[in-house]
Each structure stands twice: as C-alpha cells, then as structure tokens.
Amino acid sequence: MADREDIVALINLYGLAMDTQRWDLFDRIFTEDCDADYGASSHWTDRARFKADFGSFHALFDATQHVMTNHLVKVAGDRAAAHTYGMWRLIRHAAGDPPVWDGTGYYDDELVRTQDGWRIARRVCRVVFWTGNPRVQAPMEEIAFQLDLVSLREEAAQGRLGFLKAIA
C-alpha cells in the first residue's frame, strides 16, 4: 500500500504543479526522458521541453484548477501502471465571456521506481469532454481551436490503456 500511496501523491502533485505553475515540480513527477502524449500535436519525449512548453501555454491563464480522481494503481516490482481521471478549469478573462474552458479526461501512466522515488516515465492524456469558451486557450486569434475528443470505452476496446494491460 505504501507504493500505491506514493504514486497517488505523485499524481496529485501534478495537479498542484499545474495550478501553481511550479514547473520545477515536474522534476519530482516525471523521468528526464519521459514520453508525454497529450494528443493531437502535443507529444514530448524530453522533460525540459515539456516543462518549457507547458509553462508558455499556462502563462496565458489568470488561474487554473486541476482535480485528479478515481486513482487506480497496479504495482509490479519497480514498475507500475496508474489510471486517473482528471478535471480542469482554465480561466482567462481576456478571452471574453465566459472566461472559462472546462475539460475532463484521463491520464494513463507508466511509472518507474528511481533512487529518488516513483516517477512517471510515460503518460497518455486524453480529453473526453470540454465546454466553455475555446478562445480561453488560444494564444493568438489566428490559431484555430482544435481538440481530439476520445471515448474511454473506445480506447479500452482498441487496447490503448496501459492500466488495463497491467491488470490483465
């Protein structure tokens, strides 16, 4: 149970890192060579670039709130799989009315035990639903809002959820 608690705390730390824009916390959350797949054209294989890009993108917002729930964790020695639901609110008053973009989705993580504790080595994040003003997250007016929505049921049917593979 201690490993599970450590992993859940690590995943929750991600939400805090996002909302406080403390990108240095990513060093405690992700491996240096993490593979972070957030869909569409948002895929990183280097923590430093991941941190820089997330910092630039999130600097637009007046506030954010990330909620991590429904933690499922399967530990197998020095490796683990975790599946977490996420909800987030992005607030940017300059975007107009309403000044919010809300989304829900999931994080499907592969973790490794390091000498410094558990770290996420691979993350797949997918948005299942969103509502609100898409201009909240558009850095410039000429950038069109594009988002791939997924169904968790379809992802499972296609064999794309690492946590389900880990518990099979």
N, C-alpha and C. Protein backbone atom coordinates (compact mmCIF):
# COMPACT_ATOMS: atom_id res chain seq x y z
N MET A 1 0.82 -1.21 0.00
CA MET A 1 0.00 0.00 0.00
C MET A 1 0.86 1.26 0.00
N ALA A 2 2.06 1.20 0.55
CA ALA A 2 2.91 2.39 0.60
C ALA A 2 3.26 2.87 -0.81
N ASP A 3 3.56 1.93 -1.72
CA ASP A 3 3.85 2.32 -3.10
C ASP A 3 2.65 2.99 -3.74
N ARG A 4 1.47 2.41 -3.53
CA ARG A 4 0.25 2.99 -4.09
C ARG A 4 0.05 4.42 -3.56
N GLU A 5 0.21 4.60 -2.27
CA GLU A 5 0.05 5.94 -1.69
C GLU A 5 1.06 6.92 -2.26
N ASP A 6 2.30 6.47 -2.44
CA ASP A 6 3.32 7.34 -3.02
C ASP A 6 2.96 7.74 -4.44
N ILE A 7 2.44 6.80 -5.21
CA ILE A 7 2.08 7.07 -6.61
C ILE A 7 0.88 8.02 -6.68
N VAL A 8 -0.13 7.80 -5.84
CA VAL A 8 -1.29 8.70 -5.82
C VAL A 8 -0.84 10.11 -5.43
N ALA A 9 0.03 10.21 -4.44
CA ALA A 9 0.54 11.53 -4.03
C ALA A 9 1.30 12.19 -5.17
N LEU A 10 2.07 11.42 -5.93
CA LEU A 10 2.81 11.95 -7.07
C LEU A 10 1.86 12.49 -8.13
N ILE A 11 0.81 11.74 -8.43
CA ILE A 11 -0.16 12.17 -9.44
C ILE A 11 -0.89 13.43 -8.96
N ASN A 12 -1.21 13.49 -7.68
CA ASN A 12 -1.86 14.69 -7.15
C ASN A 12 -0.90 15.89 -7.15
N LEU A 13 0.38 15.63 -6.98
CA LEU A 13 1.38 16.71 -7.04
C LEU A 13 1.37 17.35 -8.43
N TYR A 14 1.10 16.57 -9.44
CA TYR A 14 0.99 17.11 -10.80
C TYR A 14 -0.07 18.21 -10.85
N GLY A 15 -1.24 17.97 -10.26
CA GLY A 15 -2.29 18.99 -10.23
C GLY A 15 -1.82 20.26 -9.55
N LEU A 16 -1.12 20.11 -8.43
CA LEU A 16 -0.60 21.28 -7.73
C LEU A 16 0.45 22.00 -8.57
N ALA A 17 1.33 21.25 -9.21
CA ALA A 17 2.35 21.86 -10.07
C ALA A 17 1.70 22.69 -11.18
N MET A 18 0.65 22.15 -11.76
CA MET A 18 -0.05 22.85 -12.84
C MET A 18 -0.67 24.16 -12.32
N ASP A 19 -1.36 24.08 -11.20
CA ASP A 19 -2.13 25.23 -10.72
C ASP A 19 -1.26 26.30 -10.08
N THR A 20 -0.09 25.94 -9.61
CA THR A 20 0.84 26.93 -9.06
C THR A 20 1.89 27.35 -10.07
N GLN A 21 1.88 26.70 -11.23
CA GLN A 21 2.87 26.92 -12.29
C GLN A 21 4.28 26.76 -11.76
N ARG A 22 4.45 25.74 -10.95
CA ARG A 22 5.77 25.38 -10.41
C ARG A 22 6.32 24.24 -11.27
N TRP A 23 6.86 24.60 -12.42
CA TRP A 23 7.32 23.61 -13.38
C TRP A 23 8.52 22.83 -12.86
N ASP A 24 9.23 23.37 -11.86
CA ASP A 24 10.33 22.63 -11.25
C ASP A 24 9.82 21.35 -10.58
N LEU A 25 8.56 21.32 -10.19
CA LEU A 25 8.00 20.11 -9.59
C LEU A 25 7.92 18.96 -10.59
N PHE A 26 7.92 19.27 -11.88
CA PHE A 26 7.92 18.20 -12.88
C PHE A 26 9.15 17.30 -12.70
N ASP A 27 10.25 17.85 -12.16
CA ASP A 27 11.45 17.04 -11.91
C ASP A 27 11.17 15.95 -10.87
N ARG A 28 10.20 16.16 -10.00
CA ARG A 28 9.83 15.17 -8.98
C ARG A 28 8.73 14.24 -9.47
N ILE A 29 8.13 14.57 -10.62
CA ILE A 29 6.98 13.83 -11.12
C ILE A 29 7.34 12.94 -12.31
N PHE A 30 8.14 13.47 -13.24
CA PHE A 30 8.44 12.77 -14.49
C PHE A 30 9.92 12.41 -14.59
N THR A 31 10.21 11.32 -15.31
CA THR A 31 11.59 11.00 -15.62
C THR A 31 12.13 12.04 -16.60
N GLU A 32 13.44 12.14 -16.67
CA GLU A 32 14.06 13.13 -17.56
C GLU A 32 13.70 12.86 -19.02
N ASP A 33 13.57 11.59 -19.38
CA ASP A 33 13.26 11.21 -20.76
C ASP A 33 11.79 10.78 -20.90
N CYS A 34 10.93 11.38 -20.10
CA CYS A 34 9.52 10.98 -20.12
C CYS A 34 8.92 11.11 -21.51
N ASP A 35 7.97 10.25 -21.77
CA ASP A 35 7.20 10.26 -23.01
C ASP A 35 5.80 10.74 -22.62
N ALA A 36 5.49 11.99 -22.95
CA ALA A 36 4.22 12.61 -22.55
C ALA A 36 3.39 12.89 -23.79
N ASP A 37 2.33 12.11 -23.96
CA ASP A 37 1.46 12.19 -25.13
C ASP A 37 0.12 12.79 -24.71
N TYR A 38 -0.10 14.06 -25.08
CA TYR A 38 -1.33 14.75 -24.73
C TYR A 38 -2.27 14.89 -25.94
N GLY A 39 -2.05 14.07 -26.96
CA GLY A 39 -2.94 14.05 -28.11
C GLY A 39 -2.63 15.11 -29.15
N ALA A 40 -3.37 15.03 -30.25
CA ALA A 40 -3.22 15.95 -31.38
C ALA A 40 -1.73 16.14 -31.68
N SER A 41 -1.23 17.35 -31.59
CA SER A 41 0.18 17.59 -31.89
C SER A 41 0.97 17.90 -30.62
N SER A 42 0.51 17.39 -29.49
CA SER A 42 1.14 17.68 -28.20
C SER A 42 1.78 16.42 -27.64
N HIS A 43 3.03 16.19 -28.03
CA HIS A 43 3.76 14.98 -27.61
C HIS A 43 5.21 15.37 -27.34
N TRP A 44 5.68 15.01 -26.15
CA TRP A 44 7.04 15.34 -25.75
C TRP A 44 7.77 14.08 -25.34
N THR A 45 9.09 14.07 -25.56
CA THR A 45 9.94 12.97 -25.11
C THR A 45 11.13 13.51 -24.32
N ASP A 46 11.00 14.72 -23.85
CA ASP A 46 12.06 15.37 -23.09
C ASP A 46 11.42 16.25 -22.02
N ARG A 47 11.73 15.99 -20.76
CA ARG A 47 11.10 16.73 -19.66
C ARG A 47 11.37 18.23 -19.75
N ALA A 48 12.56 18.62 -20.12
CA ALA A 48 12.88 20.05 -20.19
C ALA A 48 11.99 20.77 -21.20
N ARG A 49 11.79 20.18 -22.37
CA ARG A 49 10.93 20.79 -23.39
C ARG A 49 9.48 20.77 -22.94
N PHE A 50 9.06 19.67 -22.33
CA PHE A 50 7.72 19.52 -21.77
C PHE A 50 7.44 20.64 -20.78
N LYS A 51 8.35 20.88 -19.86
CA LYS A 51 8.19 21.94 -18.85
C LYS A 51 8.12 23.31 -19.52
N ALA A 52 9.00 23.57 -20.46
CA ALA A 52 9.03 24.87 -21.13
C ALA A 52 7.74 25.13 -21.89
N ASP A 53 7.26 24.14 -22.62
CA ASP A 53 6.04 24.31 -23.40
C ASP A 53 4.82 24.46 -22.50
N PHE A 54 4.74 23.67 -21.44
CA PHE A 54 3.62 23.81 -20.51
C PHE A 54 3.66 25.17 -19.83
N GLY A 55 4.84 25.62 -19.49
CA GLY A 55 4.98 26.95 -18.86
C GLY A 55 4.48 28.05 -19.78
N SER A 56 4.87 28.01 -21.03
CA SER A 56 4.43 29.02 -22.00
C SER A 56 2.92 28.99 -22.20
N PHE A 57 2.38 27.79 -22.36
CA PHE A 57 0.95 27.66 -22.59
C PHE A 57 0.14 28.13 -21.38
N HIS A 58 0.53 27.70 -20.18
CA HIS A 58 -0.24 28.03 -18.99
C HIS A 58 -0.04 29.46 -18.50
N ALA A 59 0.96 30.15 -19.01
CA ALA A 59 1.17 31.55 -18.64
C ALA A 59 0.02 32.43 -19.11
N LEU A 60 -0.75 31.97 -20.08
CA LEU A 60 -1.89 32.72 -20.60
C LEU A 60 -3.01 32.89 -19.58
N PHE A 61 -3.12 31.94 -18.66
CA PHE A 61 -4.31 31.88 -17.81
C PHE A 61 -4.19 32.72 -16.55
N ASP A 62 -5.32 33.28 -16.16
CA ASP A 62 -5.38 34.01 -14.89
C ASP A 62 -5.37 33.03 -13.72
N ALA A 63 -5.94 31.86 -13.92
CA ALA A 63 -5.95 30.81 -12.90
C ALA A 63 -6.31 29.49 -13.58
N THR A 64 -5.93 28.38 -12.93
CA THR A 64 -6.32 27.05 -13.36
C THR A 64 -6.65 26.22 -12.13
N GLN A 65 -7.42 25.17 -12.34
CA GLN A 65 -7.65 24.22 -11.27
C GLN A 65 -7.72 22.83 -11.88
N HIS A 66 -6.86 21.96 -11.41
CA HIS A 66 -6.81 20.57 -11.86
C HIS A 66 -7.20 19.66 -10.70
N VAL A 67 -8.14 18.75 -10.95
CA VAL A 67 -8.61 17.81 -9.94
C VAL A 67 -8.33 16.41 -10.45
N MET A 68 -7.64 15.62 -9.64
CA MET A 68 -7.27 14.26 -10.01
C MET A 68 -8.12 13.31 -9.15
N THR A 69 -8.82 12.36 -9.82
CA THR A 69 -9.72 11.47 -9.08
C THR A 69 -9.65 10.03 -9.60
N ASN A 70 -10.36 9.15 -8.91
CA ASN A 70 -10.53 7.75 -9.32
C ASN A 70 -9.19 7.06 -9.59
N HIS A 71 -8.27 7.21 -8.68
CA HIS A 71 -6.93 6.64 -8.84
C HIS A 71 -6.97 5.11 -8.83
N LEU A 72 -6.43 4.52 -9.87
CA LEU A 72 -6.23 3.08 -9.94
C LEU A 72 -4.73 2.86 -10.13
N VAL A 73 -4.14 2.00 -9.32
CA VAL A 73 -2.70 1.79 -9.35
C VAL A 73 -2.42 0.29 -9.28
N LYS A 74 -1.53 -0.18 -10.14
CA LYS A 74 -1.08 -1.58 -10.12
C LYS A 74 0.45 -1.56 -10.09
N VAL A 75 1.02 -2.03 -8.99
CA VAL A 75 2.48 -2.06 -8.83
C VAL A 75 2.98 -3.47 -9.14
N ALA A 76 4.05 -3.54 -9.92
CA ALA A 76 4.71 -4.81 -10.25
C ALA A 76 6.22 -4.59 -10.10
N GLY A 77 6.72 -4.81 -8.90
CA GLY A 77 8.14 -4.59 -8.64
C GLY A 77 8.50 -3.12 -8.71
N ASP A 78 9.43 -2.80 -9.62
CA ASP A 78 9.89 -1.41 -9.78
C ASP A 78 9.18 -0.68 -10.90
N ARG A 79 8.09 -1.25 -11.36
CA ARG A 79 7.27 -0.61 -12.39
C ARG A 79 5.83 -0.56 -11.89
N ALA A 80 5.08 0.37 -12.42
CA ALA A 80 3.68 0.48 -12.03
C ALA A 80 2.88 1.08 -13.17
N ALA A 81 1.59 0.82 -13.14
CA ALA A 81 0.64 1.44 -14.06
C ALA A 81 -0.39 2.17 -13.21
N ALA A 82 -0.80 3.32 -13.69
CA ALA A 82 -1.82 4.09 -12.98
C ALA A 82 -2.79 4.68 -13.99
N HIS A 83 -4.03 4.76 -13.57
CA HIS A 83 -5.07 5.37 -14.41
C HIS A 83 -5.83 6.34 -13.52
N THR A 84 -5.95 7.57 -13.97
CA THR A 84 -6.54 8.64 -13.16
C THR A 84 -7.46 9.47 -14.02
N TYR A 85 -8.62 9.82 -13.47
CA TYR A 85 -9.49 10.78 -14.14
C TYR A 85 -9.05 12.17 -13.75
N GLY A 86 -9.18 13.09 -14.68
CA GLY A 86 -8.83 14.48 -14.39
C GLY A 86 -9.94 15.42 -14.84
N MET A 87 -10.06 16.49 -14.09
CA MET A 87 -10.97 17.58 -14.47
C MET A 87 -10.15 18.86 -14.32
N TRP A 88 -10.35 19.79 -15.25
CA TRP A 88 -9.59 21.03 -15.17
C TRP A 88 -10.43 22.20 -15.61
N ARG A 89 -10.13 23.32 -15.02
CA ARG A 89 -10.76 24.58 -15.39
C ARG A 89 -9.63 25.56 -15.69
N LEU A 90 -9.71 26.16 -16.88
CA LEU A 90 -8.75 27.17 -17.29
C LEU A 90 -9.50 28.50 -17.34
N ILE A 91 -8.95 29.53 -16.71
CA ILE A 91 -9.63 30.82 -16.62
C ILE A 91 -8.75 31.89 -17.25
N ARG A 92 -9.35 32.64 -18.19
CA ARG A 92 -8.63 33.72 -18.86
C ARG A 92 -9.65 34.81 -19.19
N HIS A 93 -9.67 35.84 -18.40
CA HIS A 93 -10.67 36.90 -18.56
C HIS A 93 -10.56 37.63 -19.89
N ALA A 94 -9.37 37.74 -20.44
CA ALA A 94 -9.18 38.44 -21.72
C ALA A 94 -9.85 37.72 -22.89
N ALA A 95 -10.24 36.46 -22.70
CA ALA A 95 -10.85 35.68 -23.78
C ALA A 95 -12.31 36.03 -24.00
N GLY A 96 -12.91 36.79 -23.10
CA GLY A 96 -14.31 37.15 -23.25
C GLY A 96 -15.20 36.35 -22.33
N ASP A 97 -16.49 36.39 -22.64
CA ASP A 97 -17.48 35.76 -21.78
C ASP A 97 -17.99 34.47 -22.41
N PRO A 98 -17.94 33.35 -21.74
CA PRO A 98 -17.43 33.17 -20.39
C PRO A 98 -15.90 33.06 -20.42
N PRO A 99 -15.24 33.40 -19.33
CA PRO A 99 -13.78 33.38 -19.31
C PRO A 99 -13.21 32.01 -18.93
N VAL A 100 -13.97 30.93 -19.12
CA VAL A 100 -13.52 29.61 -18.69
C VAL A 100 -13.59 28.58 -19.81
N TRP A 101 -12.74 27.61 -19.70
CA TRP A 101 -12.74 26.41 -20.53
C TRP A 101 -12.59 25.26 -19.56
N ASP A 102 -13.60 24.39 -19.48
CA ASP A 102 -13.58 23.24 -18.59
C ASP A 102 -13.40 21.98 -19.41
N GLY A 103 -12.63 21.06 -18.87
CA GLY A 103 -12.44 19.79 -19.55
C GLY A 103 -12.37 18.64 -18.58
N THR A 104 -12.66 17.46 -19.10
CA THR A 104 -12.48 16.23 -18.35
C THR A 104 -11.76 15.24 -19.24
N GLY A 105 -11.07 14.34 -18.61
CA GLY A 105 -10.34 13.33 -19.37
C GLY A 105 -9.67 12.36 -18.44
N TYR A 106 -8.63 11.73 -18.94
CA TYR A 106 -7.91 10.76 -18.13
C TYR A 106 -6.42 10.80 -18.42
N TYR A 107 -5.68 10.26 -17.46
CA TYR A 107 -4.24 10.09 -17.56
C TYR A 107 -3.96 8.60 -17.41
N ASP A 108 -3.29 8.01 -18.35
CA ASP A 108 -2.89 6.61 -18.29
C ASP A 108 -1.37 6.61 -18.21
N ASP A 109 -0.83 6.25 -17.05
CA ASP A 109 0.60 6.42 -16.76
C ASP A 109 1.32 5.11 -16.58
N GLU A 110 2.60 5.11 -17.01
CA GLU A 110 3.55 4.05 -16.68
C GLU A 110 4.59 4.71 -15.79
N LEU A 111 4.85 4.11 -14.64
CA LEU A 111 5.80 4.67 -13.69
C LEU A 111 6.95 3.72 -13.45
N VAL A 112 8.08 4.30 -13.04
CA VAL A 112 9.25 3.52 -12.66
C VAL A 112 9.73 4.00 -11.30
N ARG A 113 10.25 3.06 -10.53
CA ARG A 113 10.84 3.41 -9.24
C ARG A 113 12.28 3.84 -9.51
N THR A 114 12.66 5.00 -9.04
CA THR A 114 14.03 5.51 -9.18
C THR A 114 14.65 5.61 -7.79
N GLN A 115 15.89 5.99 -7.74
CA GLN A 115 16.53 6.17 -6.42
C GLN A 115 15.90 7.32 -5.66
N ASP A 116 15.19 8.21 -6.36
CA ASP A 116 14.51 9.34 -5.73
C ASP A 116 13.02 9.12 -5.54
N GLY A 117 12.54 7.91 -5.81
CA GLY A 117 11.13 7.60 -5.67
C GLY A 117 10.48 7.34 -7.02
N TRP A 118 9.17 7.20 -7.00
CA TRP A 118 8.41 6.92 -8.22
C TRP A 118 8.42 8.13 -9.15
N ARG A 119 8.51 7.86 -10.47
CA ARG A 119 8.43 8.90 -11.49
C ARG A 119 7.59 8.36 -12.65
N ILE A 120 6.88 9.26 -13.31
CA ILE A 120 6.11 8.89 -14.50
C ILE A 120 7.07 8.86 -15.68
N ALA A 121 7.16 7.70 -16.32
CA ALA A 121 8.03 7.54 -17.49
C ALA A 121 7.25 7.73 -18.78
N ARG A 122 5.98 7.37 -18.76
CA ARG A 122 5.13 7.54 -19.95
C ARG A 122 3.76 7.96 -19.47
N ARG A 123 3.22 8.97 -20.13
CA ARG A 123 1.87 9.45 -19.82
C ARG A 123 1.09 9.62 -21.12
N VAL A 124 -0.12 9.12 -21.12
CA VAL A 124 -1.07 9.39 -22.18
C VAL A 124 -2.22 10.15 -21.53
N CYS A 125 -2.48 11.35 -22.01
CA CYS A 125 -3.58 12.18 -21.51
C CYS A 125 -4.56 12.38 -22.65
N ARG A 126 -5.82 12.13 -22.39
CA ARG A 126 -6.84 12.32 -23.40
C ARG A 126 -8.01 13.11 -22.82
N VAL A 127 -8.55 14.01 -23.62
CA VAL A 127 -9.72 14.79 -23.25
C VAL A 127 -10.96 14.01 -23.70
N VAL A 128 -11.91 13.84 -22.79
CA VAL A 128 -13.14 13.13 -23.09
C VAL A 128 -14.27 14.13 -23.36
N PHE A 129 -14.25 15.26 -22.66
CA PHE A 129 -15.32 16.25 -22.80
C PHE A 129 -14.77 17.63 -22.47
N TRP A 130 -15.28 18.64 -23.16
CA TRP A 130 -14.96 20.02 -22.79
C TRP A 130 -16.16 20.90 -23.04
N THR A 131 -16.19 22.01 -22.35
CA THR A 131 -17.24 23.00 -22.53
C THR A 131 -16.67 24.37 -22.18
N GLY A 132 -17.31 25.38 -22.65
CA GLY A 132 -16.85 26.74 -22.33
C GLY A 132 -16.36 27.46 -23.57
N ASN A 133 -15.52 28.43 -23.36
CA ASN A 133 -15.03 29.31 -24.41
C ASN A 133 -13.69 28.79 -24.92
N PRO A 134 -13.62 28.27 -26.15
CA PRO A 134 -12.36 27.74 -26.67
C PRO A 134 -11.27 28.81 -26.83
N ARG A 135 -11.67 30.08 -26.87
CA ARG A 135 -10.66 31.15 -27.00
C ARG A 135 -9.82 31.29 -25.73
N VAL A 136 -10.28 30.72 -24.64
CA VAL A 136 -9.52 30.79 -23.39
C VAL A 136 -8.11 30.24 -23.59
N GLN A 137 -7.97 29.19 -24.40
CA GLN A 137 -6.66 28.58 -24.55
C GLN A 137 -5.99 28.87 -25.89
N ALA A 138 -6.52 29.78 -26.65
CA ALA A 138 -5.89 30.16 -27.92
C ALA A 138 -4.91 31.31 -27.68
N PRO A 139 -3.61 31.09 -27.91
CA PRO A 139 -2.64 32.14 -27.65
C PRO A 139 -2.78 33.33 -28.59
N MET A 140 -3.23 33.10 -29.82
CA MET A 140 -3.41 34.18 -30.78
C MET A 140 -4.73 33.97 -31.51
N GLU A 141 -5.35 35.03 -31.92
CA GLU A 141 -6.65 34.93 -32.60
C GLU A 141 -6.60 34.05 -33.84
N GLU A 142 -5.48 34.05 -34.56
CA GLU A 142 -5.42 33.30 -35.81
C GLU A 142 -5.24 31.79 -35.61
N ILE A 143 -5.00 31.37 -34.40
CA ILE A 143 -4.86 29.94 -34.14
C ILE A 143 -6.24 29.35 -33.96
N ALA A 144 -6.57 28.38 -34.78
CA ALA A 144 -7.88 27.74 -34.69
C ALA A 144 -7.87 26.74 -33.54
N PHE A 145 -8.99 26.66 -32.86
CA PHE A 145 -9.13 25.72 -31.75
C PHE A 145 -9.36 24.33 -32.32
N GLN A 146 -8.53 23.38 -31.90
CA GLN A 146 -8.67 22.00 -32.36
C GLN A 146 -8.39 21.08 -31.20
N LEU A 147 -9.25 20.11 -31.02
CA LEU A 147 -9.09 19.17 -29.92
C LEU A 147 -9.68 17.84 -30.33
N ASP A 148 -8.91 16.78 -30.13
CA ASP A 148 -9.41 15.44 -30.39
C ASP A 148 -10.09 14.92 -29.14
N LEU A 149 -11.37 14.58 -29.23
CA LEU A 149 -12.10 14.01 -28.10
C LEU A 149 -12.06 12.49 -28.24
N VAL A 150 -12.00 11.81 -27.12
CA VAL A 150 -11.95 10.35 -27.15
C VAL A 150 -13.00 9.78 -26.21
N SER A 151 -13.31 8.53 -26.44
CA SER A 151 -14.18 7.76 -25.56
C SER A 151 -13.31 6.75 -24.82
N LEU A 152 -13.39 6.73 -23.51
CA LEU A 152 -12.62 5.78 -22.74
C LEU A 152 -12.97 4.35 -23.14
N ARG A 153 -14.23 4.12 -23.43
CA ARG A 153 -14.68 2.79 -23.87
C ARG A 153 -13.96 2.39 -25.16
N GLU A 154 -13.86 3.31 -26.12
CA GLU A 154 -13.20 3.01 -27.39
C GLU A 154 -11.70 2.79 -27.20
N GLU A 155 -11.07 3.62 -26.35
CA GLU A 155 -9.64 3.44 -26.08
C GLU A 155 -9.38 2.06 -25.48
N ALA A 156 -10.25 1.62 -24.57
CA ALA A 156 -10.10 0.29 -23.97
C ALA A 156 -10.29 -0.80 -25.02
N ALA A 157 -11.30 -0.65 -25.87
CA ALA A 157 -11.57 -1.64 -26.91
C ALA A 157 -10.40 -1.77 -27.88
N GLN A 158 -9.70 -0.67 -28.12
CA GLN A 158 -8.56 -0.66 -29.04
C GLN A 158 -7.26 -1.10 -28.37
N GLY A 159 -7.33 -1.42 -27.06
CA GLY A 159 -6.15 -1.88 -26.35
C GLY A 159 -5.13 -0.80 -26.06
N ARG A 160 -5.58 0.44 -25.93
CA ARG A 160 -4.66 1.57 -25.75
C ARG A 160 -4.53 2.04 -24.29
N LEU A 161 -5.07 1.29 -23.33
CA LEU A 161 -4.97 1.70 -21.93
C LEU A 161 -3.97 0.79 -21.21
N GLY A 162 -2.84 1.37 -20.85
CA GLY A 162 -1.78 0.61 -20.19
C GLY A 162 -2.22 0.00 -18.88
N PHE A 163 -3.08 0.71 -18.12
CA PHE A 163 -3.51 0.18 -16.84
C PHE A 163 -4.30 -1.11 -17.03
N LEU A 164 -5.17 -1.17 -18.03
CA LEU A 164 -5.94 -2.40 -18.27
C LEU A 164 -5.02 -3.54 -18.68
N LYS A 165 -3.96 -3.24 -19.40
CA LYS A 165 -2.98 -4.28 -19.75
C LYS A 165 -2.27 -4.78 -18.50
N ALA A 166 -1.98 -3.85 -17.59
CA ALA A 166 -1.25 -4.22 -16.37
C ALA A 166 -2.05 -5.12 -15.46
N ILE A 167 -3.38 -4.99 -15.47
CA ILE A 167 -4.18 -5.81 -14.57
C ILE A 167 -4.77 -7.04 -15.24
N ALA A 168 -4.47 -7.20 -16.53
CA ALA A 168 -4.99 -8.37 -17.27
C ALA A 168 -4.34 -9.66 -16.83
